Amino acid sequence: MKKIELTEDLIHALLILAGFIGFVVLGFVQIMVALSVVSFGLLLFFNRKVFKELKPFGGYANWVTIFRLALLCALGFSFHLLNHLNLAIWAIIVLSLDGVDGLIARKMSMTSEFGGKLDGETDAFFVLLMGSIVYQFKLADYWILWPGLLRYFFVISCYVFWKKTWPEPVSYFRKTIAVIIMSALISPFLLAEKFYLPIIIIATILVTYSFAKSFTFQWKQSRIYRS
């Protein structure tokens, strides 16, 4: 099976985690958002060849993903100016665009490995950012940050153990869990604590299980690769 080198993913994960540490130490989510802009900019720069190959430049699907990412970063910079309802509406708009890019890519035959990666990394950042905002508003304790950190811990762990990863089969289970955790992290801005806490706890358990399955898959593939 084709292996994927982790250099780009590792740089991205380290930059996002550096921003996260800045947020934890200094208390400003905007630090993490600023470093995420740099990190996603580097991802786009490293994969500029893909954009040149797609017509029109970049492909409509990738531009939808970039627009979704831009809305997400704008939310991260300005969430403190919004009331809970407006924040939730903004986040729901970002979430509703998830899947539109993939649909466009399939309909217009513009699918690419990088497009899938950009979409997935945007989803991962959504989870980390919304968890951080929930924590910043004191709607949940430190544990709310765990789901958002999983993606970056996963990348770093794969690099430490194998310095590579293998593409996983398409899984609607993983996609469904991604939507569940993203939706759950919007719920504190719409529901009472007695309702949103159980929702987020269940979603956190599901996403932890999903990443555990992915890590197990990588471990099994590494054994096959070595044999």
C-alpha atoms as a PDB file:
ATOM      1  CA  MET A   1       0.000   0.000   0.000  1.00  0.00           C
ATOM      2  CA  LYS A   2       1.211   3.513  -0.801  1.00  0.00           C
ATOM      3  CA  LYS A   3       2.913   5.288   2.075  1.00  0.00           C
ATOM      4  CA  ILE A   4       2.633   9.004   2.753  1.00  0.00           C
ATOM      5  CA  GLU A   5       5.556  10.964   4.161  1.00  0.00           C
ATOM      6  CA  LEU A   6       4.544  13.052   7.150  1.00  0.00           C
ATOM      7  CA  THR A   7       6.755  16.135   6.779  1.00  0.00           C
ATOM      8  CA  GLU A   8       3.959  18.549   5.818  1.00  0.00           C
ATOM      9  CA  ASP A   9       1.518  17.053   8.301  1.00  0.00           C
ATOM     10  CA  LEU A  10       4.121  17.147  11.064  1.00  0.00           C
ATOM     11  CA  ILE A  11       4.980  20.815  10.459  1.00  0.00           C
ATOM     12  CA  HIS A  12       1.281  21.654  10.446  1.00  0.00           C
ATOM     13  CA  ALA A  13       0.628  19.727  13.663  1.00  0.00           C
ATOM     14  CA  LEU A  14       3.584  21.329  15.449  1.00  0.00           C
ATOM     15  CA  LEU A  15       2.553  24.843  14.412  1.00  0.00           C
ATOM     16  CA  ILE A  16      -1.036  24.302  15.526  1.00  0.00           C
ATOM     17  CA  LEU A  17       0.148  22.857  18.841  1.00  0.00           C
ATOM     18  CA  ALA A  18       2.556  25.803  19.296  1.00  0.00           C
ATOM     19  CA  GLY A  19      -0.414  28.123  18.853  1.00  0.00           C
ATOM     20  CA  PHE A  20      -2.429  26.027  21.289  1.00  0.00           C
ATOM     21  CA  ILE A  21       0.323  26.280  23.907  1.00  0.00           C
ATOM     22  CA  GLY A  22       0.355  30.039  23.365  1.00  0.00           C
ATOM     23  CA  PHE A  23      -3.392  30.069  23.999  1.00  0.00           C
ATOM     24  CA  VAL A  24      -3.083  28.009  27.203  1.00  0.00           C
ATOM     25  CA  VAL A  25      -0.197  30.101  28.561  1.00  0.00           C
ATOM     26  CA  LEU A  26      -1.400  33.561  27.577  1.00  0.00           C
ATOM     27  CA  GLY A  27      -5.150  32.969  27.447  1.00  0.00           C
ATOM     28  CA  PHE A  28      -5.738  34.271  23.925  1.00  0.00           C
ATOM     29  CA  VAL A  29      -7.325  31.954  21.343  1.00  0.00           C
ATOM     30  CA  GLN A  30      -6.283  34.475  18.687  1.00  0.00           C
ATOM     31  CA  ILE A  31      -2.629  33.378  19.087  1.00  0.00           C
ATOM     32  CA  MET A  32      -3.585  29.874  17.995  1.00  0.00           C
ATOM     33  CA  VAL A  33      -5.662  31.226  15.116  1.00  0.00           C
ATOM     34  CA  ALA A  34      -2.786  33.410  13.906  1.00  0.00           C
ATOM     35  CA  LEU A  35      -0.386  30.450  13.823  1.00  0.00           C
ATOM     36  CA  SER A  36      -3.036  28.344  12.091  1.00  0.00           C
ATOM     37  CA  VAL A  37      -3.219  30.961   9.314  1.00  0.00           C
ATOM     38  CA  VAL A  38       0.544  30.618   8.885  1.00  0.00           C
ATOM     39  CA  SER A  39       0.362  26.825   8.968  1.00  0.00           C
ATOM     40  CA  PHE A  40      -2.480  26.509   6.466  1.00  0.00           C
ATOM     41  CA  GLY A  41      -0.702  29.058   4.280  1.00  0.00           C
ATOM     42  CA  LEU A  42       2.350  26.799   4.251  1.00  0.00           C
ATOM     43  CA  LEU A  43       0.193  23.793   3.363  1.00  0.00           C
ATOM     44  CA  LEU A  44      -1.218  25.690   0.407  1.00  0.00           C
ATOM     45  CA  PHE A  45       2.258  26.845  -0.637  1.00  0.00           C
ATOM     46  CA  PHE A  46       3.735  23.336  -0.435  1.00  0.00           C
ATOM     47  CA  ASN A  47       0.898  22.055  -2.634  1.00  0.00           C
ATOM     48  CA  ARG A  48       0.730  24.956  -5.092  1.00  0.00           C
ATOM     49  CA  LYS A  49       1.389  22.522  -7.932  1.00  0.00           C
ATOM     50  CA  VAL A  50      -2.026  20.941  -7.313  1.00  0.00           C
ATOM     51  CA  PHE A  51      -3.677  24.330  -7.700  1.00  0.00           C
ATOM     52  CA  LYS A  52      -1.900  24.945 -11.003  1.00  0.00           C
ATOM     53  CA  GLU A  53      -3.036  21.587 -12.365  1.00  0.00           C
ATOM     54  CA  LEU A  54      -6.736  22.104 -11.568  1.00  0.00           C
ATOM     55  CA  LYS A  55      -8.900  24.216 -13.875  1.00  0.00           C
ATOM     56  CA  PRO A  56     -10.039  26.783 -12.983  1.00  0.00           C
ATOM     57  CA  PHE A  57      -7.046  27.541 -10.792  1.00  0.00           C
ATOM     58  CA  GLY A  58      -7.304  25.486  -7.610  1.00  0.00           C
ATOM     59  CA  GLY A  59     -10.661  23.960  -8.486  1.00  0.00           C
ATOM     60  CA  TYR A  60     -14.028  25.063  -7.151  1.00  0.00           C
ATOM     61  CA  ALA A  61     -14.030  22.435  -4.394  1.00  0.00           C
ATOM     62  CA  ASN A  62     -10.760  23.623  -2.868  1.00  0.00           C
ATOM     63  CA  TRP A  63     -11.937  27.223  -2.949  1.00  0.00           C
ATOM     64  CA  VAL A  64     -15.052  26.224  -0.997  1.00  0.00           C
ATOM     65  CA  THR A  65     -12.780  24.596   1.593  1.00  0.00           C
ATOM     66  CA  ILE A  66     -10.572  27.696   1.718  1.00  0.00           C
ATOM     67  CA  PHE A  67     -13.650  29.882   2.144  1.00  0.00           C
ATOM     68  CA  ARG A  68     -14.815  27.641   4.992  1.00  0.00           C
ATOM     69  CA  LEU A  69     -11.357  27.895   6.564  1.00  0.00           C
ATOM     70  CA  ALA A  70     -11.377  31.682   6.199  1.00  0.00           C
ATOM     71  CA  LEU A  71     -14.781  31.883   7.936  1.00  0.00           C
ATOM     72  CA  LEU A  72     -13.454  29.651  10.700  1.00  0.00           C
ATOM     73  CA  CYS A  73     -10.369  31.796  11.259  1.00  0.00           C
ATOM     74  CA  ALA A  74     -12.491  34.958  11.216  1.00  0.00           C
ATOM     75  CA  LEU A  75     -14.662  33.378  13.901  1.00  0.00           C
ATOM     76  CA  GLY A  76     -11.557  32.593  15.929  1.00  0.00           C
ATOM     77  CA  PHE A  77     -10.420  36.216  15.790  1.00  0.00           C
ATOM     78  CA  SER A  78     -13.804  37.766  16.595  1.00  0.00           C
ATOM     79  CA  PHE A  79     -15.769  35.256  18.724  1.00  0.00           C
ATOM     80  CA  HIS A  80     -15.382  37.435  21.855  1.00  0.00           C
ATOM     81  CA  LEU A  81     -17.452  40.134  20.152  1.00  0.00           C
ATOM     82  CA  LEU A  82     -20.410  37.815  19.526  1.00  0.00           C
ATOM     83  CA  ASN A  83     -23.254  36.679  21.738  1.00  0.00           C
ATOM     84  CA  HIS A  84     -23.855  32.943  22.023  1.00  0.00           C
ATOM     85  CA  LEU A  85     -26.580  32.788  19.397  1.00  0.00           C
ATOM     86  CA  ASN A  86     -24.619  34.670  16.735  1.00  0.00           C
ATOM     87  CA  LEU A  87     -21.525  32.601  17.489  1.00  0.00           C
ATOM     88  CA  ALA A  88     -23.540  29.406  17.052  1.00  0.00           C
ATOM     89  CA  ILE A  89     -25.036  30.626  13.774  1.00  0.00           C
ATOM     90  CA  TRP A  90     -21.573  31.477  12.457  1.00  0.00           C
ATOM     91  CA  ALA A  91     -20.253  28.042  13.446  1.00  0.00           C
ATOM     92  CA  ILE A  92     -23.281  26.312  11.913  1.00  0.00           C
ATOM     93  CA  ILE A  93     -22.649  28.116   8.608  1.00  0.00           C
ATOM     94  CA  VAL A  94     -19.047  26.876   8.649  1.00  0.00           C
ATOM     95  CA  LEU A  95     -20.190  23.353   9.482  1.00  0.00           C
ATOM     96  CA  SER A  96     -22.904  23.379   6.809  1.00  0.00           C
ATOM     97  CA  LEU A  97     -20.260  24.014   4.149  1.00  0.00           C
ATOM     98  CA  ASP A  98     -18.494  20.808   5.182  1.00  0.00           C
ATOM     99  CA  GLY A  99     -19.260  18.218   2.550  1.00  0.00           C
ATOM    100  CA  VAL A 100     -20.133  20.800  -0.100  1.00  0.00           C
ATOM    101  CA  ASP A 101     -16.512  20.832  -1.259  1.00  0.00           C
ATOM    102  CA  GLY A 102     -16.421  17.042  -1.555  1.00  0.00           C
ATOM    103  CA  LEU A 103     -19.723  17.006  -3.431  1.00  0.00           C
ATOM    104  CA  ILE A 104     -18.448  19.604  -5.895  1.00  0.00           C
ATOM    105  CA  ALA A 105     -15.166  17.716  -6.335  1.00  0.00           C
ATOM    106  CA  ARG A 106     -16.983  14.482  -7.167  1.00  0.00           C
ATOM    107  CA  LYS A 107     -19.562  16.107  -9.437  1.00  0.00           C
ATOM    108  CA  MET A 108     -16.903  18.007 -11.393  1.00  0.00           C
ATOM    109  CA  SER A 109     -14.232  15.263 -11.293  1.00  0.00           C
ATOM    110  CA  MET A 110     -11.848  17.506  -9.343  1.00  0.00           C
ATOM    111  CA  THR A 111     -10.996  15.132  -6.505  1.00  0.00           C
ATOM    112  CA  SER A 112      -7.399  15.203  -5.294  1.00  0.00           C
ATOM    113  CA  GLU A 113      -5.403  13.816  -2.405  1.00  0.00           C
ATOM    114  CA  PHE A 114      -4.566  17.329  -1.265  1.00  0.00           C
ATOM    115  CA  GLY A 115      -8.206  18.413  -1.431  1.00  0.00           C
ATOM    116  CA  GLY A 116      -9.138  15.610   0.945  1.00  0.00           C
ATOM    117  CA  LYS A 117      -6.268  16.543   3.257  1.00  0.00           C
ATOM    118  CA  LEU A 118      -7.225  20.231   3.293  1.00  0.00           C
ATOM    119  CA  ASP A 119     -10.832  19.345   4.074  1.00  0.00           C
ATOM    120  CA  GLY A 120      -9.791  17.003   6.890  1.00  0.00           C
ATOM    121  CA  GLU A 121      -7.349  19.483   8.425  1.00  0.00           C
ATOM    122  CA  THR A 122     -10.024  22.184   8.327  1.00  0.00           C
ATOM    123  CA  ASP A 123     -12.391  19.852  10.185  1.00  0.00           C
ATOM    124  CA  ALA A 124      -9.670  19.102  12.752  1.00  0.00           C
ATOM    125  CA  PHE A 125      -9.019  22.786  13.327  1.00  0.00           C
ATOM    126  CA  PHE A 126     -12.756  23.418  13.682  1.00  0.00           C
ATOM    127  CA  VAL A 127     -12.844  20.907  16.557  1.00  0.00           C
ATOM    128  CA  LEU A 128      -9.794  22.402  18.287  1.00  0.00           C
ATOM    129  CA  LEU A 129     -10.966  25.990  17.838  1.00  0.00           C
ATOM    130  CA  MET A 130     -14.533  25.407  19.001  1.00  0.00           C
ATOM    131  CA  GLY A 131     -13.318  23.411  21.991  1.00  0.00           C
ATOM    132  CA  SER A 132     -10.979  26.268  22.876  1.00  0.00           C
ATOM    133  CA  ILE A 133     -13.788  28.816  22.550  1.00  0.00           C
ATOM    134  CA  VAL A 134     -16.074  26.694  24.737  1.00  0.00           C
ATOM    135  CA  TYR A 135     -13.296  26.552  27.320  1.00  0.00           C
ATOM    136  CA  GLN A 136     -12.604  30.286  27.010  1.00  0.00           C
ATOM    137  CA  PHE A 137     -16.257  30.994  27.810  1.00  0.00           C
ATOM    138  CA  LYS A 138     -15.962  28.635  30.827  1.00  0.00           C
ATOM    139  CA  LEU A 139     -18.751  26.430  29.512  1.00  0.00           C
ATOM    140  CA  ALA A 140     -16.631  23.306  30.150  1.00  0.00           C
ATOM    141  CA  ASP A 141     -13.358  22.413  31.860  1.00  0.00           C
ATOM    142  CA  TYR A 142      -9.965  21.472  30.376  1.00  0.00           C
ATOM    143  CA  TRP A 143     -11.209  18.099  29.122  1.00  0.00           C
ATOM    144  CA  ILE A 144     -13.134  19.901  26.354  1.00  0.00           C
ATOM    145  CA  LEU A 145      -9.777  20.487  24.626  1.00  0.00           C
ATOM    146  CA  TRP A 146      -9.031  16.771  24.274  1.00  0.00           C
ATOM    147  CA  PRO A 147     -11.058  16.052  21.091  1.00  0.00           C
ATOM    148  CA  GLY A 148      -9.372  18.907  19.246  1.00  0.00           C
ATOM    149  CA  LEU A 149      -5.873  17.770  20.199  1.00  0.00           C
ATOM    150  CA  LEU A 150      -6.356  14.184  19.050  1.00  0.00           C
ATOM    151  CA  ARG A 151      -5.593  14.822  15.370  1.00  0.00           C
ATOM    152  CA  TYR A 152      -2.294  16.517  16.155  1.00  0.00           C
ATOM    153  CA  PHE A 153      -1.244  13.941  18.756  1.00  0.00           C
ATOM    154  CA  PHE A 154      -2.052  11.267  16.168  1.00  0.00           C
ATOM    155  CA  VAL A 155       0.191  12.858  13.526  1.00  0.00           C
ATOM    156  CA  ILE A 156       3.083  13.325  15.939  1.00  0.00           C
ATOM    157  CA  SER A 157       2.719   9.763  17.267  1.00  0.00           C
ATOM    158  CA  CYS A 158       2.816   8.317  13.748  1.00  0.00           C
ATOM    159  CA  TYR A 159       5.949  10.329  13.017  1.00  0.00           C
ATOM    160  CA  VAL A 160       7.642   9.226  16.242  1.00  0.00           C
ATOM    161  CA  PHE A 161       6.879   5.542  15.701  1.00  0.00           C
ATOM    162  CA  TRP A 162       7.021   5.144  11.909  1.00  0.00           C
ATOM    163  CA  LYS A 163       7.898   8.484  10.255  1.00  0.00           C
ATOM    164  CA  LYS A 164       5.163   7.722   7.744  1.00  0.00           C
ATOM    165  CA  THR A 165       1.495   6.865   7.565  1.00  0.00           C
ATOM    166  CA  TRP A 166      -0.707   4.855   5.247  1.00  0.00           C
ATOM    167  CA  PRO A 167      -3.965   6.033   3.652  1.00  0.00           C
ATOM    168  CA  GLU A 168      -6.997   4.554   5.340  1.00  0.00           C
ATOM    169  CA  PRO A 169     -10.007   3.180   3.467  1.00  0.00           C
ATOM    170  CA  VAL A 170     -12.919   5.590   3.086  1.00  0.00           C
ATOM    171  CA  SER A 171     -14.992   5.341   6.242  1.00  0.00           C
ATOM    172  CA  TYR A 172     -18.448   6.839   6.642  1.00  0.00           C
ATOM    173  CA  PHE A 173     -18.110   5.950  10.325  1.00  0.00           C
ATOM    174  CA  ARG A 174     -15.214   8.424  10.700  1.00  0.00           C
ATOM    175  CA  LYS A 175     -17.041  11.062   8.667  1.00  0.00           C
ATOM    176  CA  THR A 176     -20.174  10.676  10.780  1.00  0.00           C
ATOM    177  CA  ILE A 177     -18.212  10.983  14.018  1.00  0.00           C
ATOM    178  CA  ALA A 178     -16.493  14.113  12.678  1.00  0.00           C
ATOM    179  CA  VAL A 179     -19.879  15.735  12.075  1.00  0.00           C
ATOM    180  CA  ILE A 180     -21.097  14.589  15.506  1.00  0.00           C
ATOM    181  CA  ILE A 181     -18.147  16.114  17.403  1.00  0.00           C
ATOM    182  CA  MET A 182     -18.308  19.361  15.415  1.00  0.00           C
ATOM    183  CA  SER A 183     -22.046  19.652  16.061  1.00  0.00           C
ATOM    184  CA  ALA A 184     -21.581  18.782  19.731  1.00  0.00           C
ATOM    185  CA  LEU A 185     -19.098  21.628  20.187  1.00  0.00           C
ATOM    186  CA  ILE A 186     -21.682  24.112  18.927  1.00  0.00           C
ATOM    187  CA  SER A 187     -24.325  22.862  21.359  1.00  0.00           C
ATOM    188  CA  PRO A 188     -23.040  24.816  24.439  1.00  0.00           C
ATOM    189  CA  PHE A 189     -24.061  28.026  22.691  1.00  0.00           C
ATOM    190  CA  LEU A 190     -27.608  26.795  22.115  1.00  0.00           C
ATOM    191  CA  LEU A 191     -28.480  24.432  24.965  1.00  0.00           C
ATOM    192  CA  ALA A 192     -28.432  24.359  28.750  1.00  0.00           C
ATOM    193  CA  GLU A 193     -25.468  22.664  30.470  1.00  0.00           C
ATOM    194  CA  LYS A 194     -27.506  19.629  31.532  1.00  0.00           C
ATOM    195  CA  PHE A 195     -28.138  18.915  27.845  1.00  0.00           C
ATOM    196  CA  TYR A 196     -24.891  19.875  26.123  1.00  0.00           C
ATOM    197  CA  LEU A 197     -22.455  18.224  28.552  1.00  0.00           C
ATOM    198  CA  PRO A 198     -23.744  14.644  27.961  1.00  0.00           C
ATOM    199  CA  ILE A 199     -23.762  15.326  24.204  1.00  0.00           C
ATOM    200  CA  ILE A 200     -20.132  16.455  24.208  1.00  0.00           C
ATOM    201  CA  ILE A 201     -19.025  13.618  26.503  1.00  0.00           C
ATOM    202  CA  ILE A 202     -20.570  11.002  24.204  1.00  0.00           C
ATOM    203  CA  ALA A 203     -19.060  12.705  21.135  1.00  0.00           C
ATOM    204  CA  THR A 204     -15.652  12.818  22.837  1.00  0.00           C
ATOM    205  CA  ILE A 205     -15.785   9.088  23.559  1.00  0.00           C
ATOM    206  CA  LEU A 206     -16.727   8.390  19.941  1.00  0.00           C
ATOM    207  CA  VAL A 207     -13.955  10.535  18.458  1.00  0.00           C
ATOM    208  CA  THR A 208     -11.393   9.004  20.840  1.00  0.00           C
ATOM    209  CA  TYR A 209     -12.494   5.549  19.711  1.00  0.00           C
ATOM    210  CA  SER A 210     -12.226   6.632  16.067  1.00  0.00           C
ATOM    211  CA  PHE A 211      -8.634   7.820  16.487  1.00  0.00           C
ATOM    212  CA  ALA A 212      -7.770   4.669  18.435  1.00  0.00           C
ATOM    213  CA  LYS A 213      -9.003   2.642  15.461  1.00  0.00           C
ATOM    214  CA  SER A 214      -6.922   4.760  13.083  1.00  0.00           C
ATOM    215  CA  PHE A 215      -3.822   4.350  15.231  1.00  0.00           C
ATOM    216  CA  THR A 216      -4.375   0.585  15.364  1.00  0.00           C
ATOM    217  CA  PHE A 217      -4.700   0.554  11.571  1.00  0.00           C
ATOM    218  CA  GLN A 218      -1.375   2.389  11.217  1.00  0.00           C
ATOM    219  CA  TRP A 219       0.292  -0.036  13.624  1.00  0.00           C
ATOM    220  CA  LYS A 220      -0.967  -3.046  11.660  1.00  0.00           C
ATOM    221  CA  GLN A 221       0.163  -1.512   8.371  1.00  0.00           C
ATOM    222  CA  SER A 222       3.617  -0.846   9.824  1.00  0.00           C
ATOM    223  CA  ARG A 223       3.946  -4.536  10.706  1.00  0.00           C
ATOM    224  CA  ILE A 224       2.950  -5.521   7.168  1.00  0.00           C
ATOM    225  CA  TYR A 225       5.378  -2.996   5.735  1.00  0.00           C
ATOM    226  CA  ARG A 226       8.243  -4.344   7.817  1.00  0.00           C
ATOM    227  CA  SER A 227       7.530  -8.005   7.076  1.00  0.00           C
END
